[in-house]
Amino acid sequence: MISHSPPPAVPPQLMLQAARDGDDGSKLSTITDTACTPRITGDTAFAISYLQILVPDRVGPLFDVPNHGSSRGFHVHRVSANRWEFVRTDEGWKIKRRTLRPLDRTEPAREILGGALEP
């Protein structure tokens, strides 16, 4: 299990996207963490999401994409399934736990994604 320390407060309406800048100002990677609408039960909630990390392909062939210009494309660095668990506090919603599993055709990732179907 990969575990990360959660930020101090995140609302359960989770839809995050970030790009990290390199030392030279170029974009090193694009990190997209997209979640479904959280399921809220009283003062707890959960959301199922996927994390995708893409990095520019700096050595691949240049190719044209109609109406979008030319690009060398991107390399998929990581794709994982995530389960976010939230708790409501006096200060608002806080992350209680985040569980990540690589999307590598194994059962642990399927279990997380299957959790999106929980009643």
N, C-alpha and C. Protein backbone atom coordinates (compact mmCIF):
# COMPACT_ATOMS: atom_id res chain seq x y z
N MET A 1 0.84 -1.18 0.00
CA MET A 1 0.00 0.00 0.00
C MET A 1 0.89 1.24 0.00
N ILE A 2 0.57 2.16 -0.88
CA ILE A 2 1.25 3.46 -0.90
C ILE A 2 0.40 4.39 -0.06
N SER A 3 1.02 5.12 0.83
CA SER A 3 0.26 6.01 1.69
C SER A 3 0.90 7.39 1.65
N HIS A 4 0.06 8.41 1.61
CA HIS A 4 0.54 9.78 1.61
C HIS A 4 -0.08 10.52 2.78
N SER A 5 0.63 11.48 3.32
CA SER A 5 0.05 12.33 4.35
C SER A 5 -0.95 13.26 3.69
N PRO A 6 -2.18 13.31 4.20
CA PRO A 6 -3.19 14.16 3.57
C PRO A 6 -2.95 15.63 3.86
N PRO A 7 -3.42 16.50 2.96
CA PRO A 7 -3.37 17.93 3.25
C PRO A 7 -4.31 18.23 4.41
N PRO A 8 -4.19 19.40 5.04
CA PRO A 8 -4.99 19.69 6.22
C PRO A 8 -6.49 19.66 6.00
N ALA A 9 -6.99 20.10 4.85
CA ALA A 9 -8.44 20.09 4.63
C ALA A 9 -8.72 20.00 3.15
N VAL A 10 -9.61 19.09 2.78
CA VAL A 10 -10.04 18.95 1.41
C VAL A 10 -11.54 18.67 1.43
N PRO A 11 -12.34 19.45 0.71
CA PRO A 11 -13.76 19.16 0.68
C PRO A 11 -14.00 17.85 -0.08
N PRO A 12 -15.08 17.14 0.22
CA PRO A 12 -15.31 15.89 -0.48
C PRO A 12 -15.67 16.08 -1.94
N GLN A 13 -15.93 17.30 -2.39
CA GLN A 13 -16.16 17.55 -3.81
C GLN A 13 -14.80 17.58 -4.49
N LEU A 14 -14.16 16.41 -4.56
CA LEU A 14 -12.77 16.29 -4.95
C LEU A 14 -12.61 16.29 -6.47
N MET A 15 -11.88 17.25 -6.99
CA MET A 15 -11.53 17.28 -8.39
C MET A 15 -10.23 18.06 -8.48
N LEU A 16 -9.11 17.36 -8.49
CA LEU A 16 -7.81 18.00 -8.40
C LEU A 16 -7.05 17.84 -9.71
N GLN A 17 -6.34 18.87 -10.10
CA GLN A 17 -5.43 18.76 -11.22
C GLN A 17 -4.27 19.71 -10.95
N ALA A 18 -3.04 19.23 -11.12
CA ALA A 18 -1.88 20.06 -10.84
C ALA A 18 -0.80 19.79 -11.86
N ALA A 19 0.00 20.78 -12.13
CA ALA A 19 1.18 20.61 -12.97
C ALA A 19 2.38 21.12 -12.18
N ARG A 20 3.45 20.35 -12.21
CA ARG A 20 4.64 20.71 -11.45
C ARG A 20 5.65 21.32 -12.41
N ASP A 21 6.21 22.48 -12.06
CA ASP A 21 7.17 23.15 -12.91
C ASP A 21 8.58 22.63 -12.66
N GLY A 22 9.35 22.53 -13.73
CA GLY A 22 10.74 22.16 -13.63
C GLY A 22 11.59 23.36 -13.27
N ASP A 23 12.85 23.11 -13.01
CA ASP A 23 13.77 24.20 -12.66
C ASP A 23 13.88 25.23 -13.78
N ASP A 24 13.69 24.77 -15.03
CA ASP A 24 13.81 25.68 -16.15
C ASP A 24 12.46 26.31 -16.53
N GLY A 25 11.42 26.07 -15.72
CA GLY A 25 10.11 26.65 -15.98
C GLY A 25 9.24 25.78 -16.87
N SER A 26 9.80 24.69 -17.41
CA SER A 26 8.99 23.82 -18.26
C SER A 26 8.15 22.89 -17.39
N LYS A 27 7.06 22.42 -17.95
CA LYS A 27 6.22 21.48 -17.22
C LYS A 27 6.91 20.11 -17.24
N LEU A 28 7.20 19.58 -16.06
CA LEU A 28 7.80 18.26 -15.98
C LEU A 28 6.76 17.17 -16.08
N SER A 29 5.63 17.35 -15.44
CA SER A 29 4.61 16.32 -15.46
C SER A 29 3.24 16.93 -15.25
N THR A 30 2.25 16.19 -15.63
CA THR A 30 0.88 16.56 -15.34
C THR A 30 0.30 15.49 -14.45
N ILE A 31 -0.24 15.90 -13.32
CA ILE A 31 -0.81 14.97 -12.36
C ILE A 31 -2.30 15.26 -12.30
N THR A 32 -3.11 14.27 -12.60
CA THR A 32 -4.55 14.44 -12.57
C THR A 32 -5.13 13.43 -11.60
N ASP A 33 -5.88 13.90 -10.64
CA ASP A 33 -6.54 13.04 -9.67
C ASP A 33 -8.02 13.36 -9.77
N THR A 34 -8.77 12.49 -10.37
CA THR A 34 -10.17 12.75 -10.65
C THR A 34 -11.04 11.79 -9.86
N ALA A 35 -12.06 12.32 -9.22
CA ALA A 35 -12.92 11.50 -8.36
C ALA A 35 -14.36 11.56 -8.80
N CYS A 36 -15.09 10.54 -8.41
CA CYS A 36 -16.53 10.57 -8.60
C CYS A 36 -17.14 11.43 -7.49
N THR A 37 -18.41 11.68 -7.58
CA THR A 37 -19.11 12.43 -6.54
C THR A 37 -19.03 11.63 -5.25
N PRO A 38 -18.67 12.26 -4.15
CA PRO A 38 -18.55 11.53 -2.88
C PRO A 38 -19.89 11.01 -2.40
N ARG A 39 -19.84 9.89 -1.74
CA ARG A 39 -21.02 9.34 -1.07
C ARG A 39 -20.96 9.79 0.37
N ILE A 40 -21.92 10.59 0.79
CA ILE A 40 -21.92 11.17 2.14
C ILE A 40 -22.98 10.47 2.97
N THR A 41 -22.55 10.01 4.16
CA THR A 41 -23.45 9.41 5.13
C THR A 41 -23.18 10.09 6.46
N GLY A 42 -24.06 11.03 6.82
CA GLY A 42 -23.87 11.76 8.07
C GLY A 42 -22.59 12.57 8.04
N ASP A 43 -21.67 12.26 8.96
CA ASP A 43 -20.40 12.99 9.07
C ASP A 43 -19.23 12.25 8.45
N THR A 44 -19.51 11.25 7.61
CA THR A 44 -18.45 10.54 6.90
C THR A 44 -18.79 10.50 5.42
N ALA A 45 -17.76 10.33 4.60
CA ALA A 45 -17.95 10.25 3.16
C ALA A 45 -16.79 9.47 2.57
N PHE A 46 -17.00 8.95 1.35
CA PHE A 46 -15.89 8.36 0.61
C PHE A 46 -16.04 8.69 -0.85
N ALA A 47 -14.94 8.65 -1.58
CA ALA A 47 -14.94 8.87 -3.02
C ALA A 47 -13.90 7.94 -3.63
N ILE A 48 -14.21 7.44 -4.81
CA ILE A 48 -13.29 6.59 -5.57
C ILE A 48 -12.74 7.45 -6.70
N SER A 49 -11.44 7.38 -6.92
CA SER A 49 -10.83 8.18 -7.97
C SER A 49 -9.72 7.41 -8.65
N TYR A 50 -9.17 8.02 -9.68
CA TYR A 50 -7.96 7.49 -10.26
C TYR A 50 -6.93 8.60 -10.33
N LEU A 51 -5.67 8.22 -10.23
CA LEU A 51 -4.55 9.15 -10.33
C LEU A 51 -3.80 8.80 -11.60
N GLN A 52 -3.50 9.80 -12.39
CA GLN A 52 -2.75 9.60 -13.62
C GLN A 52 -1.61 10.61 -13.66
N ILE A 53 -0.39 10.12 -13.84
CA ILE A 53 0.78 10.99 -13.94
C ILE A 53 1.36 10.81 -15.33
N LEU A 54 1.39 11.91 -16.09
CA LEU A 54 1.94 11.91 -17.44
C LEU A 54 3.16 12.80 -17.48
N VAL A 55 4.18 12.37 -18.22
CA VAL A 55 5.37 13.21 -18.41
C VAL A 55 5.61 13.36 -19.91
N PRO A 56 6.07 14.55 -20.33
CA PRO A 56 6.32 14.74 -21.76
C PRO A 56 7.36 13.76 -22.30
N ASP A 57 7.11 13.26 -23.49
CA ASP A 57 8.07 12.40 -24.18
C ASP A 57 9.03 13.33 -24.92
N ARG A 58 10.25 13.45 -24.45
CA ARG A 58 11.21 14.39 -25.03
C ARG A 58 12.04 13.78 -26.16
N VAL A 59 11.94 12.45 -26.37
CA VAL A 59 12.77 11.81 -27.38
C VAL A 59 11.96 11.12 -28.48
N GLY A 60 10.67 11.01 -28.30
CA GLY A 60 9.82 10.34 -29.30
C GLY A 60 9.69 11.17 -30.56
N PRO A 61 9.16 10.53 -31.61
CA PRO A 61 8.98 11.25 -32.88
C PRO A 61 7.90 12.32 -32.76
N LEU A 62 8.08 13.39 -33.50
CA LEU A 62 7.10 14.47 -33.55
C LEU A 62 5.96 14.02 -34.46
N PHE A 63 4.72 14.18 -34.01
CA PHE A 63 3.58 13.82 -34.85
C PHE A 63 2.51 14.90 -34.76
N ASP A 64 1.72 15.00 -35.82
CA ASP A 64 0.66 16.00 -35.91
C ASP A 64 -0.65 15.42 -35.41
N VAL A 65 -1.37 16.23 -34.65
CA VAL A 65 -2.71 15.89 -34.20
C VAL A 65 -3.64 16.92 -34.85
N PRO A 66 -4.55 16.48 -35.73
CA PRO A 66 -5.41 17.45 -36.43
C PRO A 66 -6.09 18.42 -35.47
N ASN A 67 -6.00 19.68 -35.80
CA ASN A 67 -6.60 20.78 -35.03
C ASN A 67 -5.97 21.00 -33.66
N HIS A 68 -4.84 20.33 -33.37
CA HIS A 68 -4.20 20.48 -32.06
C HIS A 68 -2.69 20.68 -32.15
N GLY A 69 -2.14 20.79 -33.34
CA GLY A 69 -0.72 21.05 -33.49
C GLY A 69 0.13 19.79 -33.50
N SER A 70 1.41 19.98 -33.24
CA SER A 70 2.37 18.88 -33.26
C SER A 70 2.85 18.60 -31.84
N SER A 71 3.21 17.35 -31.59
CA SER A 71 3.66 16.96 -30.26
C SER A 71 4.46 15.68 -30.33
N ARG A 72 5.32 15.49 -29.34
CA ARG A 72 6.00 14.20 -29.17
C ARG A 72 5.19 13.29 -28.25
N GLY A 73 4.13 13.85 -27.70
CA GLY A 73 3.26 13.05 -26.85
C GLY A 73 3.74 12.98 -25.41
N PHE A 74 3.17 12.05 -24.68
CA PHE A 74 3.45 11.89 -23.26
C PHE A 74 3.71 10.43 -22.94
N HIS A 75 4.42 10.23 -21.87
CA HIS A 75 4.68 8.90 -21.32
C HIS A 75 3.80 8.75 -20.08
N VAL A 76 3.09 7.63 -19.98
CA VAL A 76 2.28 7.37 -18.79
C VAL A 76 3.22 6.85 -17.71
N HIS A 77 3.43 7.65 -16.67
CA HIS A 77 4.33 7.27 -15.59
C HIS A 77 3.62 6.37 -14.57
N ARG A 78 2.39 6.74 -14.21
CA ARG A 78 1.68 5.96 -13.20
C ARG A 78 0.18 6.18 -13.35
N VAL A 79 -0.58 5.12 -13.15
CA VAL A 79 -2.04 5.20 -13.07
C VAL A 79 -2.44 4.34 -11.88
N SER A 80 -3.23 4.90 -10.98
CA SER A 80 -3.64 4.13 -9.81
C SER A 80 -5.10 4.41 -9.47
N ALA A 81 -5.68 3.46 -8.74
CA ALA A 81 -7.03 3.61 -8.19
C ALA A 81 -6.88 4.09 -6.75
N ASN A 82 -7.78 4.99 -6.34
CA ASN A 82 -7.70 5.58 -5.00
C ASN A 82 -9.05 5.51 -4.31
N ARG A 83 -9.02 5.30 -3.03
CA ARG A 83 -10.23 5.44 -2.20
C ARG A 83 -9.92 6.50 -1.16
N TRP A 84 -10.73 7.55 -1.17
CA TRP A 84 -10.61 8.65 -0.21
C TRP A 84 -11.70 8.48 0.84
N GLU A 85 -11.34 8.58 2.10
CA GLU A 85 -12.32 8.56 3.18
C GLU A 85 -12.23 9.90 3.90
N PHE A 86 -13.39 10.52 4.13
CA PHE A 86 -13.48 11.85 4.73
C PHE A 86 -14.27 11.79 6.02
N VAL A 87 -14.02 12.76 6.87
CA VAL A 87 -14.81 12.94 8.09
C VAL A 87 -15.09 14.43 8.24
N ARG A 88 -16.33 14.73 8.64
CA ARG A 88 -16.70 16.14 8.85
C ARG A 88 -16.30 16.54 10.27
N THR A 89 -15.59 17.66 10.39
CA THR A 89 -15.18 18.19 11.69
C THR A 89 -15.77 19.58 11.86
N ASP A 90 -15.53 20.19 12.99
CA ASP A 90 -15.98 21.57 13.21
C ASP A 90 -15.34 22.53 12.21
N GLU A 91 -14.16 22.18 11.69
CA GLU A 91 -13.46 23.03 10.72
C GLU A 91 -13.82 22.68 9.28
N GLY A 92 -14.70 21.71 9.06
CA GLY A 92 -15.07 21.29 7.71
C GLY A 92 -14.63 19.86 7.45
N TRP A 93 -14.68 19.46 6.19
CA TRP A 93 -14.31 18.10 5.80
C TRP A 93 -12.81 17.92 5.83
N LYS A 94 -12.36 16.78 6.38
CA LYS A 94 -10.93 16.43 6.44
C LYS A 94 -10.75 15.03 5.86
N ILE A 95 -9.59 14.80 5.28
CA ILE A 95 -9.26 13.46 4.80
C ILE A 95 -8.90 12.60 6.00
N LYS A 96 -9.58 11.48 6.11
CA LYS A 96 -9.27 10.51 7.18
C LYS A 96 -8.23 9.51 6.68
N ARG A 97 -8.41 9.05 5.42
CA ARG A 97 -7.51 8.03 4.88
C ARG A 97 -7.56 8.07 3.36
N ARG A 98 -6.44 7.78 2.74
CA ARG A 98 -6.38 7.63 1.29
C ARG A 98 -5.65 6.33 1.01
N THR A 99 -6.27 5.48 0.22
CA THR A 99 -5.67 4.20 -0.15
C THR A 99 -5.43 4.21 -1.65
N LEU A 100 -4.22 3.89 -2.08
CA LEU A 100 -3.85 3.86 -3.50
C LEU A 100 -3.41 2.45 -3.87
N ARG A 101 -3.81 2.00 -5.05
CA ARG A 101 -3.35 0.73 -5.61
C ARG A 101 -3.05 0.95 -7.09
N PRO A 102 -1.92 0.43 -7.59
CA PRO A 102 -1.60 0.59 -9.01
C PRO A 102 -2.63 -0.13 -9.87
N LEU A 103 -3.00 0.48 -11.00
CA LEU A 103 -3.89 -0.17 -11.96
C LEU A 103 -3.03 -1.09 -12.82
N ASP A 104 -2.83 -2.28 -12.30
CA ASP A 104 -1.95 -3.25 -12.95
C ASP A 104 -2.64 -4.60 -13.16
N ARG A 105 -3.98 -4.57 -13.24
CA ARG A 105 -4.80 -5.75 -13.47
C ARG A 105 -4.86 -6.69 -12.27
N THR A 106 -4.47 -6.21 -11.10
CA THR A 106 -4.52 -7.05 -9.91
C THR A 106 -5.82 -6.80 -9.15
N GLU A 107 -6.14 -7.72 -8.26
CA GLU A 107 -7.39 -7.64 -7.50
C GLU A 107 -7.49 -6.43 -6.58
N PRO A 108 -6.41 -5.99 -5.89
CA PRO A 108 -6.55 -4.83 -5.00
C PRO A 108 -7.08 -3.58 -5.70
N ALA A 109 -6.62 -3.29 -6.91
CA ALA A 109 -7.12 -2.13 -7.64
C ALA A 109 -8.57 -2.34 -8.04
N ARG A 110 -8.92 -3.55 -8.45
CA ARG A 110 -10.30 -3.84 -8.82
C ARG A 110 -11.24 -3.68 -7.64
N GLU A 111 -10.77 -4.06 -6.46
CA GLU A 111 -11.59 -3.90 -5.25
C GLU A 111 -11.89 -2.43 -4.99
N ILE A 112 -10.88 -1.58 -5.15
CA ILE A 112 -11.11 -0.14 -4.95
C ILE A 112 -12.11 0.38 -5.96
N LEU A 113 -11.90 0.08 -7.24
CA LEU A 113 -12.82 0.58 -8.27
C LEU A 113 -14.21 0.00 -8.09
N GLY A 114 -14.32 -1.23 -7.64
CA GLY A 114 -15.62 -1.83 -7.37
C GLY A 114 -16.35 -1.12 -6.24
N GLY A 115 -15.59 -0.48 -5.35
CA GLY A 115 -16.19 0.27 -4.25
C GLY A 115 -17.04 1.43 -4.72
N ALA A 116 -16.83 1.88 -5.95
CA ALA A 116 -17.65 2.97 -6.49
C ALA A 116 -19.10 2.52 -6.65
N LEU A 117 -19.30 1.21 -6.66
CA LEU A 117 -20.65 0.66 -6.84
C LEU A 117 -21.33 0.35 -5.51
N GLU A 118 -20.65 0.64 -4.40
CA GLU A 118 -21.25 0.38 -3.10
C GLU A 118 -22.54 1.16 -2.95
N PRO A 119 -23.54 0.56 -2.29
CA PRO A 119 -24.81 1.29 -2.12
C PRO A 119 -24.68 2.47 -1.18
